[in-house]
Protein backbone atom coordinates (compact mmCIF):
# COMPACT_ATOMS: atom_id res chain seq x y z
CA MET A 1 -52.65 -211.46 -19.20
CA LEU A 2 -49.63 -210.39 -21.60
CA PHE A 3 -50.89 -212.98 -24.15
CA ARG A 4 -54.10 -211.34 -24.85
CA LEU A 5 -52.30 -207.88 -25.05
CA MET A 6 -50.35 -209.64 -27.66
CA THR A 7 -53.15 -210.95 -29.54
CA LEU A 8 -55.08 -207.59 -29.42
CA LEU A 9 -51.69 -205.92 -30.87
CA ALA A 10 -51.85 -208.09 -33.76
CA ILE A 11 -55.36 -208.06 -34.41
CA VAL A 12 -55.45 -204.38 -34.51
CA ALA A 13 -52.01 -204.06 -36.42
CA GLY A 14 -53.31 -206.74 -39.13
CA ILE A 15 -56.94 -204.50 -39.68
CA THR A 16 -54.88 -201.28 -39.87
CA TRP A 17 -53.11 -202.79 -42.42
CA LEU A 18 -55.95 -204.08 -44.28
CA ALA A 19 -57.74 -200.89 -44.19
CA ARG A 20 -54.89 -199.64 -45.25
CA ARG A 21 -54.53 -201.66 -48.27
CA ILE A 22 -58.14 -201.37 -49.44
CA LEU A 23 -59.19 -197.90 -48.72
CA PRO A 24 -58.01 -195.20 -51.02
CA ALA A 25 -55.27 -192.63 -49.67
CA GLY A 26 -56.61 -189.26 -48.32
CA SER A 27 -58.54 -186.79 -50.25
CA GLY A 28 -58.80 -189.14 -52.97
CA SER A 29 -55.04 -188.47 -54.20
CA SER A 30 -53.99 -190.94 -56.92
CA GLY A 31 -50.38 -191.37 -55.79
CA PRO A 32 -48.34 -189.58 -53.10
CA ARG A 33 -46.87 -186.81 -55.68
CA THR A 34 -50.57 -185.76 -55.73
CA GLY A 35 -50.09 -181.45 -56.17
CA TYR A 36 -46.50 -181.24 -55.98
CA ALA A 37 -44.46 -179.52 -58.28
CA PHE A 38 -40.78 -179.15 -59.16
CA SER A 39 -37.91 -178.76 -61.10
CA ILE A 40 -34.34 -180.48 -60.96
CA GLU A 41 -31.32 -179.65 -62.84
CA PHE A 42 -28.52 -182.04 -63.66
CA SER A 43 -24.91 -181.09 -65.04
CA GLY A 44 -22.89 -184.72 -65.10
CA GLY A 45 -24.94 -186.65 -63.58
CA ARG A 46 -24.68 -184.55 -61.08
CA GLN A 47 -28.03 -182.54 -59.42
CA ARG A 48 -27.23 -178.78 -59.43
CA ARG A 49 -30.10 -177.11 -58.61
CA VAL A 50 -33.43 -178.39 -57.13
CA GLN A 51 -37.00 -175.95 -57.08
CA GLY A 52 -40.01 -176.97 -55.74
CA VAL A 53 -41.02 -179.87 -53.26
CA VAL A 54 -39.55 -183.57 -54.25
CA PRO A 55 -40.91 -186.16 -51.77
CA ARG A 56 -37.92 -187.97 -51.23
CA PRO A 57 -38.27 -191.58 -52.82
CA VAL A 58 -38.49 -189.59 -56.22
CA TYR A 59 -35.32 -187.46 -55.59
CA ASN A 60 -33.45 -190.84 -54.61
CA ALA A 61 -34.89 -192.53 -58.13
CA PHE A 62 -33.72 -189.48 -60.22
CA GLU A 63 -30.84 -189.12 -58.42
CA ASP A 64 -29.97 -192.52 -59.51
CA VAL A 65 -31.15 -192.38 -63.00
CA ALA A 66 -29.02 -189.11 -63.20
CA SER A 67 -25.42 -190.45 -61.97
CA LEU A 68 -26.14 -193.98 -64.05
CA SER A 69 -26.51 -191.87 -67.44
CA ARG A 70 -24.25 -188.92 -66.53
CA VAL A 71 -27.28 -187.05 -67.95
CA THR A 72 -27.01 -182.91 -68.31
CA GLY A 73 -30.40 -181.31 -68.33
CA SER A 74 -33.48 -180.62 -66.34
CA VAL A 75 -36.65 -182.68 -65.13
CA SER A 76 -39.61 -181.02 -63.74
CA ALA A 77 -42.91 -182.20 -62.64
CA SER A 78 -45.90 -180.04 -63.19
CA ARG A 79 -48.67 -180.30 -60.26
CA ASP A 80 -51.01 -183.10 -62.83
CA GLY A 81 -48.00 -185.68 -62.20
CA GLU A 82 -46.72 -185.07 -66.16
CA LEU A 83 -43.24 -184.87 -66.61
CA ALA A 84 -41.47 -182.57 -68.60
CA PHE A 85 -37.63 -182.53 -69.92
CA SER A 86 -35.08 -180.28 -71.18
CA ASP A 87 -33.76 -181.01 -74.61
CA GLY A 88 -30.66 -181.79 -73.06
CA ILE A 89 -31.96 -185.68 -71.89
CA PRO A 90 -32.01 -188.45 -74.76
CA GLU A 91 -35.05 -190.60 -74.95
CA GLY A 92 -33.80 -193.30 -73.50
CA VAL A 93 -32.83 -191.46 -70.57
CA ARG A 94 -36.51 -189.70 -69.98
CA GLN A 95 -37.69 -192.77 -70.32
CA GLN A 96 -35.66 -194.31 -67.09
CA PHE A 97 -36.64 -191.19 -65.40
CA LYS A 98 -40.62 -191.89 -66.41
CA ASN A 99 -39.78 -195.55 -65.24
CA ALA A 100 -38.30 -194.20 -61.78
CA TRP A 101 -40.94 -191.60 -61.31
CA TRP A 102 -44.06 -194.36 -61.75
CA ALA A 103 -42.56 -196.94 -59.57
CA SER A 104 -42.00 -194.36 -57.03
CA LYS A 105 -45.81 -193.47 -57.61
CA HIS A 106 -46.90 -196.83 -57.24
CA ALA A 107 -44.71 -198.41 -54.38
């Protein structure tokens, strides 16, 4: 009896895993941030102010990039998924933010 229950549980888990990998995310979204608009301000690599809803993986990744680069400025995301940067953020750090954004979107 226990063996049958464990087998059934393994089959259901496998089907669920396959369905989540094959089928698109709910409501046709292309990633977990569809519809989120936010702005994060940094000062000396530390987060100073957050406006809007920032998904946790994005927040953690942006915080890591900011602390390593000791950046001062702001990063904003619009509802369509585009990132905007203040003038105080160097191009190399902008690319790091874009990479973190892409990685958290496709994780």
